[in-house]
Protein backbone atom coordinates (compact mmCIF):
# COMPACT_ATOMS: atom_id res chain seq x y z
CA MET A 1 98.87 127.39 3.30
CA ASP A 2 101.92 127.03 5.58
CA SER A 3 104.76 125.41 4.55
CA PHE A 4 107.36 124.10 7.29
CA LYS A 5 111.20 124.17 6.49
CA THR A 6 112.83 121.00 7.60
CA ALA A 7 115.06 121.17 10.41
CA LYS A 8 118.76 121.29 9.96
CA PHE A 9 119.78 120.15 12.94
CA GLY A 10 118.29 116.98 15.31
CA ILE A 11 118.01 116.14 18.96
CA GLY A 12 121.08 115.29 20.66
CA GLN A 13 122.84 117.40 18.17
CA VAL A 14 125.81 119.31 19.90
CA VAL A 15 125.70 122.90 18.43
CA ARG A 16 127.00 126.19 18.85
CA HIS A 17 125.89 129.79 18.65
CA ARG A 18 127.06 131.58 15.53
CA ILE A 19 127.53 134.60 17.26
CA TYR A 20 127.45 134.43 21.29
CA PRO A 21 130.18 132.38 22.73
CA PHE A 22 127.85 129.18 24.09
CA ARG A 23 127.14 125.65 22.83
CA GLY A 24 124.79 122.77 23.68
CA VAL A 25 122.97 119.76 22.55
CA ILE A 26 119.41 120.09 21.33
CA PHE A 27 116.49 118.47 23.34
CA ASP A 28 113.47 119.86 21.11
CA VAL A 29 112.41 121.63 17.90
CA ASP A 30 109.60 123.82 17.17
CA PRO A 31 109.11 124.17 13.55
CA VAL A 32 108.42 128.18 13.94
CA PHE A 33 109.13 130.49 16.59
CA ASN A 34 106.84 129.24 19.83
CA ASN A 35 108.08 131.86 22.50
CA THR A 36 106.53 134.99 23.69
CA GLU A 37 106.15 138.47 21.43
CA GLU A 38 108.08 139.77 24.44
CA TRP A 39 110.92 137.45 24.12
CA TRP A 40 111.40 138.25 20.39
CA LEU A 41 110.95 141.94 20.27
CA SER A 42 114.32 141.47 23.37
CA ILE A 43 116.33 140.85 20.86
CA PRO A 44 118.09 143.85 19.08
CA GLU A 45 116.52 144.66 15.96
CA GLU A 46 119.60 144.55 13.85
CA ILE A 47 120.09 140.88 14.60
CA ARG A 48 116.44 139.77 15.24
CA PRO A 49 115.72 136.84 13.43
CA SER A 50 112.70 135.65 11.80
CA LYS A 51 110.02 133.83 12.92
CA GLU A 52 109.46 131.81 10.32
CA GLN A 53 112.29 128.85 11.01
CA PRO A 54 113.02 126.25 12.78
CA TYR A 55 114.05 127.02 16.46
CA TYR A 56 115.81 125.18 19.02
CA HIS A 57 115.68 124.58 22.57
CA LEU A 58 119.14 123.82 23.99
CA LEU A 59 120.67 122.20 27.33
CA ALA A 60 123.12 125.00 26.84
CA GLU A 61 126.48 126.31 28.45
CA ASN A 62 129.09 129.29 27.99
CA ASP A 63 132.34 129.50 30.29
CA GLU A 64 130.28 130.62 33.46
CA SER A 65 127.37 128.83 33.29
CA GLU A 66 124.54 126.18 32.21
CA TYR A 67 121.21 127.11 31.51
CA ILE A 68 118.01 126.66 28.80
CA ALA A 69 118.64 128.47 25.38
CA TYR A 70 115.95 129.03 22.27
CA VAL A 71 117.92 129.82 19.39
CA SER A 72 116.98 130.33 15.71
CA GLU A 73 118.72 127.58 13.24
CA GLN A 74 120.05 130.91 11.25
CA ASN A 75 121.87 131.26 14.45
CA LEU A 76 123.43 127.70 14.93
CA LEU A 77 126.45 125.72 13.81
CA PRO A 78 127.42 121.96 14.30
CA ASP A 79 129.88 121.79 17.40
CA GLU A 80 132.58 119.68 16.17
CA SER A 81 134.74 120.32 19.24
CA GLY A 82 134.13 116.84 20.36
CA GLU A 83 134.07 118.05 24.10
CA PRO A 84 131.26 116.88 26.21
CA VAL A 85 128.12 119.40 27.32
CA ARG A 86 128.37 119.61 30.94
CA HIS A 87 124.79 120.75 31.65
CA PRO A 88 123.35 119.40 34.63
CA GLN A 89 119.87 117.76 33.18
CA ILE A 90 121.92 115.91 30.28
CA ASP A 91 121.02 112.70 32.26
CA GLU A 92 117.58 113.30 32.72
CA ILE A 93 116.84 113.77 28.58
CA PHE A 94 119.68 111.80 27.50
CA VAL A 95 121.85 108.18 27.28
CA VAL A 96 125.72 109.38 26.03
CA GLU A 97 126.84 106.76 24.39
CA ASP A 98 130.60 107.14 22.61
CA GLY A 99 130.02 110.80 22.80
CA HIS A 100 126.67 110.73 21.15
CA TYR A 101 123.42 112.22 22.58
CA ARG A 102 120.15 109.87 22.77
CA SER A 103 117.18 110.88 23.89
CA ARG A 104 115.66 108.64 26.71
CA ASP A 105 112.35 108.68 24.92
CA ASP A 106 114.07 106.85 22.09
CA ARG A 107 112.45 103.41 22.23
CA ARG A 108 115.10 102.15 19.45
CA ALA A 109 117.23 99.25 20.31
CA HIS A 110 120.86 100.19 20.81
């Protein structure tokens, strides 16, 4: 029987990586690892995360560039800097209101 862990972070939340110097806004969540075996094996074994946890798709940035990242829950922390994420795809996926990222697919009234 499969048991899925409830995701700790949500769509539109800004997070940072626990080890590496990048941060980003979450745009999708997989309840468990859903990438290629090759990708997973490319992570050094001593820091390779478990597949049995939520994985997050981020519009990510570091000091040099913006990119898409795929990160395990155990390697994320909330980003409390209050700084906006500068990724060029932000406006395609989110509406930014008062520093918060709300999915354009979110049909709730604002």
